[in-house]
Amino acid sequence: MHQRLQVVLNISPQKLIHYYEGAVSTVVATTTDGRTIRFPANILRSVVQADGVQGIFELVFDKNHKFVSIKRIRSV
């Protein structure tokens, strides 16, 4: 069974540079139910747009907490 978490992300293009340069390797985000989670920044690569990473995203992890997928489910 997969675990699905919804997170609100508001990362500007300027902040994304820190992730790509390797200065920051972990994203800290708040789920829509108020929990704080950490995940590797490279997960965001597939959802980066011109305005950065903006919106509510669903992260899916397997039963061993290994990342499976990320998708934008709503803009904010």
C-alpha atoms as a PDB file:
ATOM      1  CA  MET A   1       0.000   0.000   0.000  1.00  0.00           C
ATOM      2  CA  HIS A   2       1.301   3.453  -0.882  1.00  0.00           C
ATOM      3  CA  GLN A   3       1.343   6.436   1.424  1.00  0.00           C
ATOM      4  CA  ARG A   4       0.095   9.654  -0.164  1.00  0.00           C
ATOM      5  CA  LEU A   5       0.898  13.052   1.280  1.00  0.00           C
ATOM      6  CA  GLN A   6      -0.288  16.407   0.037  1.00  0.00           C
ATOM      7  CA  VAL A   7       2.124  19.298   0.507  1.00  0.00           C
ATOM      8  CA  VAL A   8       1.933  22.990  -0.242  1.00  0.00           C
ATOM      9  CA  LEU A   9       5.055  24.188  -2.042  1.00  0.00           C
ATOM     10  CA  ASN A  10       5.962  27.775  -2.839  1.00  0.00           C
ATOM     11  CA  ILE A  11       9.556  27.712  -4.055  1.00  0.00           C
ATOM     12  CA  SER A  12      10.698  30.604  -6.224  1.00  0.00           C
ATOM     13  CA  PRO A  13      13.077  30.154  -9.163  1.00  0.00           C
ATOM     14  CA  GLN A  14      15.740  31.973  -7.124  1.00  0.00           C
ATOM     15  CA  LYS A  15      15.435  29.460  -4.268  1.00  0.00           C
ATOM     16  CA  LEU A  16      15.532  26.550  -6.704  1.00  0.00           C
ATOM     17  CA  ILE A  17      19.033  27.612  -7.734  1.00  0.00           C
ATOM     18  CA  HIS A  18      20.235  26.636  -4.236  1.00  0.00           C
ATOM     19  CA  TYR A  19      18.837  23.134  -4.756  1.00  0.00           C
ATOM     20  CA  TYR A  20      20.403  22.748  -8.194  1.00  0.00           C
ATOM     21  CA  GLU A  21      23.788  24.036  -7.028  1.00  0.00           C
ATOM     22  CA  GLY A  22      23.720  21.519  -4.187  1.00  0.00           C
ATOM     23  CA  ALA A  23      23.785  24.131  -1.426  1.00  0.00           C
ATOM     24  CA  VAL A  24      20.483  22.700  -0.172  1.00  0.00           C
ATOM     25  CA  SER A  25      19.713  19.021  -0.652  1.00  0.00           C
ATOM     26  CA  THR A  26      16.564  18.573   1.421  1.00  0.00           C
ATOM     27  CA  VAL A  27      13.157  20.231   1.144  1.00  0.00           C
ATOM     28  CA  VAL A  28      11.167  20.823   4.327  1.00  0.00           C
ATOM     29  CA  ALA A  29       7.450  21.157   3.673  1.00  0.00           C
ATOM     30  CA  THR A  30       4.155  21.146   5.538  1.00  0.00           C
ATOM     31  CA  THR A  31       1.453  18.676   4.588  1.00  0.00           C
ATOM     32  CA  THR A  32      -2.113  19.857   4.186  1.00  0.00           C
ATOM     33  CA  ASP A  33      -2.920  18.141   7.509  1.00  0.00           C
ATOM     34  CA  GLY A  34      -0.188  20.093   9.353  1.00  0.00           C
ATOM     35  CA  ARG A  35       2.708  17.608   9.517  1.00  0.00           C
ATOM     36  CA  THR A  36       6.256  18.631   8.650  1.00  0.00           C
ATOM     37  CA  ILE A  37       8.098  16.361   6.239  1.00  0.00           C
ATOM     38  CA  ARG A  38      11.548  16.312   4.668  1.00  0.00           C
ATOM     39  CA  PHE A  39      12.404  14.868   1.280  1.00  0.00           C
ATOM     40  CA  PRO A  40      15.294  15.031  -1.209  1.00  0.00           C
ATOM     41  CA  ALA A  41      15.232  18.145  -3.390  1.00  0.00           C
ATOM     42  CA  ASN A  42      15.856  16.150  -6.562  1.00  0.00           C
ATOM     43  CA  ILE A  43      12.262  14.887  -6.324  1.00  0.00           C
ATOM     44  CA  LEU A  44      11.148  18.342  -7.531  1.00  0.00           C
ATOM     45  CA  ARG A  45      12.888  18.213 -10.910  1.00  0.00           C
ATOM     46  CA  SER A  46       9.860  16.842 -12.742  1.00  0.00           C
ATOM     47  CA  VAL A  47       7.526  19.593 -11.472  1.00  0.00           C
ATOM     48  CA  VAL A  48       9.666  22.736 -11.920  1.00  0.00           C
ATOM     49  CA  GLN A  49       8.069  25.445 -14.054  1.00  0.00           C
ATOM     50  CA  ALA A  50       9.083  28.978 -15.026  1.00  0.00           C
ATOM     51  CA  ASP A  51       7.654  30.337 -11.749  1.00  0.00           C
ATOM     52  CA  GLY A  52       9.459  27.716  -9.664  1.00  0.00           C
ATOM     53  CA  VAL A  53       7.471  25.067  -7.822  1.00  0.00           C
ATOM     54  CA  GLN A  54       4.113  26.484  -6.819  1.00  0.00           C
ATOM     55  CA  GLY A  55       0.958  24.663  -5.742  1.00  0.00           C
ATOM     56  CA  ILE A  56      -0.325  21.674  -3.860  1.00  0.00           C
ATOM     57  CA  PHE A  57       1.432  18.437  -4.743  1.00  0.00           C
ATOM     58  CA  GLU A  58       0.779  14.816  -3.963  1.00  0.00           C
ATOM     59  CA  LEU A  59       3.857  12.800  -3.012  1.00  0.00           C
ATOM     60  CA  VAL A  60       3.566   9.031  -3.102  1.00  0.00           C
ATOM     61  CA  PHE A  61       5.837   6.715  -1.110  1.00  0.00           C
ATOM     62  CA  ASP A  62       5.885   2.925  -0.980  1.00  0.00           C
ATOM     63  CA  LYS A  63       5.529   0.862   2.198  1.00  0.00           C
ATOM     64  CA  ASN A  64       9.274   1.243   2.825  1.00  0.00           C
ATOM     65  CA  HIS A  65       8.996   5.059   2.613  1.00  0.00           C
ATOM     66  CA  LYS A  66      10.773   5.100  -0.756  1.00  0.00           C
ATOM     67  CA  PHE A  67       9.674   7.870  -3.119  1.00  0.00           C
ATOM     68  CA  VAL A  68       7.393   6.720  -5.960  1.00  0.00           C
ATOM     69  CA  SER A  69       5.989   9.874  -7.592  1.00  0.00           C
ATOM     70  CA  ILE A  70       5.033  13.535  -7.342  1.00  0.00           C
ATOM     71  CA  LYS A  71       2.305  15.402  -9.178  1.00  0.00           C
ATOM     72  CA  ARG A  72       0.709  18.828  -8.988  1.00  0.00           C
ATOM     73  CA  ILE A  73      -2.903  18.481  -7.922  1.00  0.00           C
ATOM     74  CA  ARG A  74      -3.823  22.144  -7.568  1.00  0.00           C
ATOM     75  CA  SER A  75      -2.425  25.597  -8.141  1.00  0.00           C
ATOM     76  CA  VAL A  76      -2.443  28.133  -5.327  1.00  0.00           C
END
